[in-house]
């Protein structure tokens, strides 16, 4: 079953409140400096199971993050596309798909729940299928980005202004 993240976000917040958790509306926890454990949402998609584990771990605070798909995400993708050497047929396919994704602006694209226990962050995350496709498109674009060789040559030739090659 494909989750409706718009509906699910409201259901999660209500469930958190009824279960007595303190809800902290925070940012994504990816990139935190502490070790992370990611919940298997494919094998165990129910957020209630994740929150049951949080309760058993005696977590009192659960961080909740909802990410909205905004026009700037598409604009950034288009800017990256301009700076890459994607083959013409692929470029047209990516451009077409990015145009189609304008219809998702304002929708919830990612939901994340997390809690901390014994120095580790536990994360439950769901992404809309179309957002996962968007991220794959970004990866494809990034794999064809043009590297600025001038900067590399400059770094190799320079020793910070302290030495010369005499």
C-alpha atoms as a PDB file:
ATOM      1  CA  UNK A   1       0.000   0.000   0.000  1.00  0.00           C
ATOM      2  CA  UNK A   2       1.292   3.447  -0.910  1.00  0.00           C
ATOM      3  CA  UNK A   3       1.190   5.758   2.106  1.00  0.00           C
ATOM      4  CA  UNK A   4      -0.624   9.069   1.814  1.00  0.00           C
ATOM      5  CA  UNK A   5       1.844  11.267   3.672  1.00  0.00           C
ATOM      6  CA  UNK A   6      -0.593  14.181   3.899  1.00  0.00           C
ATOM      7  CA  UNK A   7      -3.026  12.058   5.873  1.00  0.00           C
ATOM      8  CA  UNK A   8      -0.335  10.147   7.729  1.00  0.00           C
ATOM      9  CA  UNK A   9       1.321  13.258   9.196  1.00  0.00           C
ATOM     10  CA  UNK A  10      -1.897  14.190  11.012  1.00  0.00           C
ATOM     11  CA  UNK A  11      -2.387  10.603  12.185  1.00  0.00           C
ATOM     12  CA  UNK A  12       1.165  10.471  13.573  1.00  0.00           C
ATOM     13  CA  UNK A  13       0.860  13.732  15.519  1.00  0.00           C
ATOM     14  CA  UNK A  14      -2.481  12.629  16.998  1.00  0.00           C
ATOM     15  CA  UNK A  15      -1.059   9.226  17.948  1.00  0.00           C
ATOM     16  CA  UNK A  16       1.964  10.830  19.617  1.00  0.00           C
ATOM     17  CA  UNK A  17      -0.287  13.028  21.734  1.00  0.00           C
ATOM     18  CA  UNK A  18      -2.648  10.215  22.754  1.00  0.00           C
ATOM     19  CA  UNK A  19       0.318   8.012  23.740  1.00  0.00           C
ATOM     20  CA  UNK A  20       1.724  10.702  26.043  1.00  0.00           C
ATOM     21  CA  UNK A  21       4.904  11.463  24.134  1.00  0.00           C
ATOM     22  CA  UNK A  22       6.294  14.972  24.168  1.00  0.00           C
ATOM     23  CA  UNK A  23       6.350  16.017  20.508  1.00  0.00           C
ATOM     24  CA  UNK A  24       9.346  18.072  19.478  1.00  0.00           C
ATOM     25  CA  UNK A  25       8.851  19.561  16.018  1.00  0.00           C
ATOM     26  CA  UNK A  26      12.445  19.532  14.823  1.00  0.00           C
ATOM     27  CA  UNK A  27      14.583  19.248  11.743  1.00  0.00           C
ATOM     28  CA  UNK A  28      15.784  16.085  10.068  1.00  0.00           C
ATOM     29  CA  UNK A  29      18.111  14.107  12.309  1.00  0.00           C
ATOM     30  CA  UNK A  30      20.266  12.793   9.459  1.00  0.00           C
ATOM     31  CA  UNK A  31      23.727  14.209   9.808  1.00  0.00           C
ATOM     32  CA  UNK A  32      23.724  14.280  13.610  1.00  0.00           C
ATOM     33  CA  UNK A  33      27.098  13.469  15.087  1.00  0.00           C
ATOM     34  CA  UNK A  34      25.795  10.558  17.157  1.00  0.00           C
ATOM     35  CA  UNK A  35      25.366   7.003  15.867  1.00  0.00           C
ATOM     36  CA  UNK A  36      22.093   6.408  14.007  1.00  0.00           C
ATOM     37  CA  UNK A  37      19.832   3.381  13.641  1.00  0.00           C
ATOM     38  CA  UNK A  38      17.289   3.482  10.811  1.00  0.00           C
ATOM     39  CA  UNK A  39      13.955   1.680  11.172  1.00  0.00           C
ATOM     40  CA  UNK A  40      13.105  -0.846   8.431  1.00  0.00           C
ATOM     41  CA  UNK A  41       9.987   0.824   7.015  1.00  0.00           C
ATOM     42  CA  UNK A  42       9.796  -1.701   4.161  1.00  0.00           C
ATOM     43  CA  UNK A  43       9.556  -4.714   6.433  1.00  0.00           C
ATOM     44  CA  UNK A  44       7.764  -2.908   9.275  1.00  0.00           C
ATOM     45  CA  UNK A  45       5.957   0.119   7.812  1.00  0.00           C
ATOM     46  CA  UNK A  46       3.674   0.904  10.772  1.00  0.00           C
ATOM     47  CA  UNK A  47       4.819   3.972  12.694  1.00  0.00           C
ATOM     48  CA  UNK A  48       2.962   2.612  15.744  1.00  0.00           C
ATOM     49  CA  UNK A  49       5.533  -0.220  15.969  1.00  0.00           C
ATOM     50  CA  UNK A  50       8.367   2.315  15.959  1.00  0.00           C
ATOM     51  CA  UNK A  51       6.665   4.326  18.704  1.00  0.00           C
ATOM     52  CA  UNK A  52       6.114   1.104  20.660  1.00  0.00           C
ATOM     53  CA  UNK A  53       9.863   0.563  20.553  1.00  0.00           C
ATOM     54  CA  UNK A  54      10.361   4.172  21.689  1.00  0.00           C
ATOM     55  CA  UNK A  55       8.012   3.570  24.622  1.00  0.00           C
ATOM     56  CA  UNK A  56       9.810   0.346  25.590  1.00  0.00           C
ATOM     57  CA  UNK A  57      13.112   2.248  25.453  1.00  0.00           C
ATOM     58  CA  UNK A  58      11.543   4.760  27.880  1.00  0.00           C
ATOM     59  CA  UNK A  59      11.736   7.652  25.414  1.00  0.00           C
ATOM     60  CA  UNK A  60       9.694  10.613  26.552  1.00  0.00           C
ATOM     61  CA  UNK A  61      10.446  13.016  23.689  1.00  0.00           C
ATOM     62  CA  UNK A  62       9.939  12.127  20.036  1.00  0.00           C
ATOM     63  CA  UNK A  63      11.181  14.472  17.354  1.00  0.00           C
ATOM     64  CA  UNK A  64       8.814  14.901  14.413  1.00  0.00           C
ATOM     65  CA  UNK A  65       9.814  16.392  11.083  1.00  0.00           C
ATOM     66  CA  UNK A  66       7.636  16.977   8.038  1.00  0.00           C
ATOM     67  CA  UNK A  67       9.285  18.163   4.865  1.00  0.00           C
ATOM     68  CA  UNK A  68       7.233  19.949   2.247  1.00  0.00           C
ATOM     69  CA  UNK A  69       8.150  19.824  -1.432  1.00  0.00           C
ATOM     70  CA  UNK A  70       8.909  23.448  -2.319  1.00  0.00           C
ATOM     71  CA  UNK A  71       9.581  25.179  -5.666  1.00  0.00           C
ATOM     72  CA  UNK A  72      13.187  25.895  -4.645  1.00  0.00           C
ATOM     73  CA  UNK A  73      13.910  22.154  -4.760  1.00  0.00           C
ATOM     74  CA  UNK A  74      12.907  22.068  -8.418  1.00  0.00           C
ATOM     75  CA  UNK A  75      14.760  25.298  -9.164  1.00  0.00           C
ATOM     76  CA  UNK A  76      17.924  23.835  -7.635  1.00  0.00           C
ATOM     77  CA  UNK A  77      17.509  20.673  -9.724  1.00  0.00           C
ATOM     78  CA  UNK A  78      17.133  22.769 -12.888  1.00  0.00           C
ATOM     79  CA  UNK A  79      20.239  24.809 -12.002  1.00  0.00           C
ATOM     80  CA  UNK A  80      22.223  21.605 -11.517  1.00  0.00           C
ATOM     81  CA  UNK A  81      20.872  20.275 -14.807  1.00  0.00           C
ATOM     82  CA  UNK A  82      22.198  23.359 -16.626  1.00  0.00           C
ATOM     83  CA  UNK A  83      25.670  22.664 -15.202  1.00  0.00           C
ATOM     84  CA  UNK A  84      25.890  19.026 -16.255  1.00  0.00           C
ATOM     85  CA  UNK A  85      26.772  17.129 -19.400  1.00  0.00           C
ATOM     86  CA  UNK A  86      23.779  14.807 -19.498  1.00  0.00           C
ATOM     87  CA  UNK A  87      23.165  13.210 -22.907  1.00  0.00           C
ATOM     88  CA  UNK A  88      20.398  15.006 -24.850  1.00  0.00           C
ATOM     89  CA  UNK A  89      17.806  12.219 -24.649  1.00  0.00           C
ATOM     90  CA  UNK A  90      18.349  11.878 -20.889  1.00  0.00           C
ATOM     91  CA  UNK A  91      18.271  15.643 -20.428  1.00  0.00           C
ATOM     92  CA  UNK A  92      14.875  15.870 -22.158  1.00  0.00           C
ATOM     93  CA  UNK A  93      13.532  13.005 -20.019  1.00  0.00           C
ATOM     94  CA  UNK A  94      14.765  14.633 -16.796  1.00  0.00           C
ATOM     95  CA  UNK A  95      13.467  18.082 -17.812  1.00  0.00           C
ATOM     96  CA  UNK A  96      10.043  16.581 -18.622  1.00  0.00           C
ATOM     97  CA  UNK A  97       9.887  14.719 -15.308  1.00  0.00           C
ATOM     98  CA  UNK A  98      10.928  17.820 -13.325  1.00  0.00           C
ATOM     99  CA  UNK A  99       8.139  19.810 -15.043  1.00  0.00           C
ATOM    100  CA  UNK A 100       5.640  17.104 -14.099  1.00  0.00           C
ATOM    101  CA  UNK A 101       6.835  17.223 -10.487  1.00  0.00           C
ATOM    102  CA  UNK A 102       5.689  20.868 -10.195  1.00  0.00           C
ATOM    103  CA  UNK A 103       2.300  19.338  -9.416  1.00  0.00           C
ATOM    104  CA  UNK A 104       3.677  18.046  -6.095  1.00  0.00           C
ATOM    105  CA  UNK A 105       4.698  21.479  -4.780  1.00  0.00           C
ATOM    106  CA  UNK A 106       3.120  21.974  -1.350  1.00  0.00           C
ATOM    107  CA  UNK A 107       2.770  18.234  -0.693  1.00  0.00           C
ATOM    108  CA  UNK A 108       4.498  16.412   2.148  1.00  0.00           C
ATOM    109  CA  UNK A 109       7.445  14.565   0.629  1.00  0.00           C
ATOM    110  CA  UNK A 110       9.157  13.183   3.741  1.00  0.00           C
ATOM    111  CA  UNK A 111       8.113  12.314   7.296  1.00  0.00           C
ATOM    112  CA  UNK A 112      10.578  11.514  10.052  1.00  0.00           C
ATOM    113  CA  UNK A 113      10.181  10.408  13.657  1.00  0.00           C
ATOM    114  CA  UNK A 114      13.186   9.980  15.924  1.00  0.00           C
ATOM    115  CA  UNK A 115      14.165   9.493  19.529  1.00  0.00           C
ATOM    116  CA  UNK A 116      17.437   9.167  21.414  1.00  0.00           C
ATOM    117  CA  UNK A 117      18.409   6.284  23.651  1.00  0.00           C
ATOM    118  CA  UNK A 118      21.788   5.451  25.183  1.00  0.00           C
ATOM    119  CA  UNK A 119      23.789   7.674  22.855  1.00  0.00           C
ATOM    120  CA  UNK A 120      22.106   6.562  19.635  1.00  0.00           C
ATOM    121  CA  UNK A 121      19.423   8.227  17.503  1.00  0.00           C
ATOM    122  CA  UNK A 122      16.647   5.950  16.248  1.00  0.00           C
ATOM    123  CA  UNK A 123      14.915   7.132  13.068  1.00  0.00           C
ATOM    124  CA  UNK A 124      11.690   6.175  11.316  1.00  0.00           C
ATOM    125  CA  UNK A 125      11.367   7.803   7.901  1.00  0.00           C
ATOM    126  CA  UNK A 126       8.902   7.606   5.031  1.00  0.00           C
ATOM    127  CA  UNK A 127       9.232   9.290   1.668  1.00  0.00           C
ATOM    128  CA  UNK A 128       6.614   9.715  -1.020  1.00  0.00           C
ATOM    129  CA  UNK A 129       7.422   7.537  -4.042  1.00  0.00           C
ATOM    130  CA  UNK A 130       7.558  10.576  -6.307  1.00  0.00           C
ATOM    131  CA  UNK A 131      10.057  12.228  -3.932  1.00  0.00           C
ATOM    132  CA  UNK A 132      12.265   9.134  -3.994  1.00  0.00           C
ATOM    133  CA  UNK A 133      12.155   9.417  -7.805  1.00  0.00           C
ATOM    134  CA  UNK A 134      13.091  13.108  -7.499  1.00  0.00           C
ATOM    135  CA  UNK A 135      16.118  12.203  -5.359  1.00  0.00           C
ATOM    136  CA  UNK A 136      17.163   9.587  -7.923  1.00  0.00           C
ATOM    137  CA  UNK A 137      16.915  12.230 -10.661  1.00  0.00           C
ATOM    138  CA  UNK A 138      19.143  14.531  -8.593  1.00  0.00           C
ATOM    139  CA  UNK A 139      21.656  11.724  -8.235  1.00  0.00           C
ATOM    140  CA  UNK A 140      21.613  11.167 -11.981  1.00  0.00           C
ATOM    141  CA  UNK A 141      22.121  14.888 -12.619  1.00  0.00           C
ATOM    142  CA  UNK A 142      24.940  15.088 -10.067  1.00  0.00           C
ATOM    143  CA  UNK A 143      26.741  12.148 -11.677  1.00  0.00           C
ATOM    144  CA  UNK A 144      27.074  14.260 -14.859  1.00  0.00           C
ATOM    145  CA  UNK A 145      28.056  17.554 -13.205  1.00  0.00           C
ATOM    146  CA  UNK A 146      30.968  19.311 -14.864  1.00  0.00           C
ATOM    147  CA  UNK A 147      33.946  19.603 -12.547  1.00  0.00           C
ATOM    148  CA  UNK A 148      35.757  22.887 -12.551  1.00  0.00           C
ATOM    149  CA  UNK A 149      39.271  21.819 -13.635  1.00  0.00           C
ATOM    150  CA  UNK A 150      40.610  25.370 -13.245  1.00  0.00           C
ATOM    151  CA  UNK A 151      40.188  25.210  -9.461  1.00  0.00           C
ATOM    152  CA  UNK A 152      41.959  21.836  -9.292  1.00  0.00           C
ATOM    153  CA  UNK A 153      44.907  23.090 -11.368  1.00  0.00           C
ATOM    154  CA  UNK A 154      45.147  26.208  -9.239  1.00  0.00           C
ATOM    155  CA  UNK A 155      45.230  24.138  -6.031  1.00  0.00           C
ATOM    156  CA  UNK A 156      47.955  21.861  -7.434  1.00  0.00           C
ATOM    157  CA  UNK A 157      50.127  24.793  -8.546  1.00  0.00           C
ATOM    158  CA  UNK A 158      49.747  26.779  -5.378  1.00  0.00           C
ATOM    159  CA  UNK A 159      51.459  26.119  -2.079  1.00  0.00           C
ATOM    160  CA  UNK A 160      49.537  28.736  -0.181  1.00  0.00           C
ATOM    161  CA  UNK A 161      51.829  31.577  -1.244  1.00  0.00           C
ATOM    162  CA  UNK A 162      54.730  30.388   0.935  1.00  0.00           C
ATOM    163  CA  UNK A 163      56.823  28.424  -1.561  1.00  0.00           C
ATOM    164  CA  UNK A 164      57.770  28.795  -5.201  1.00  0.00           C
ATOM    165  CA  UNK A 165      58.915  26.237  -7.768  1.00  0.00           C
ATOM    166  CA  UNK A 166      62.300  27.835  -8.488  1.00  0.00           C
END
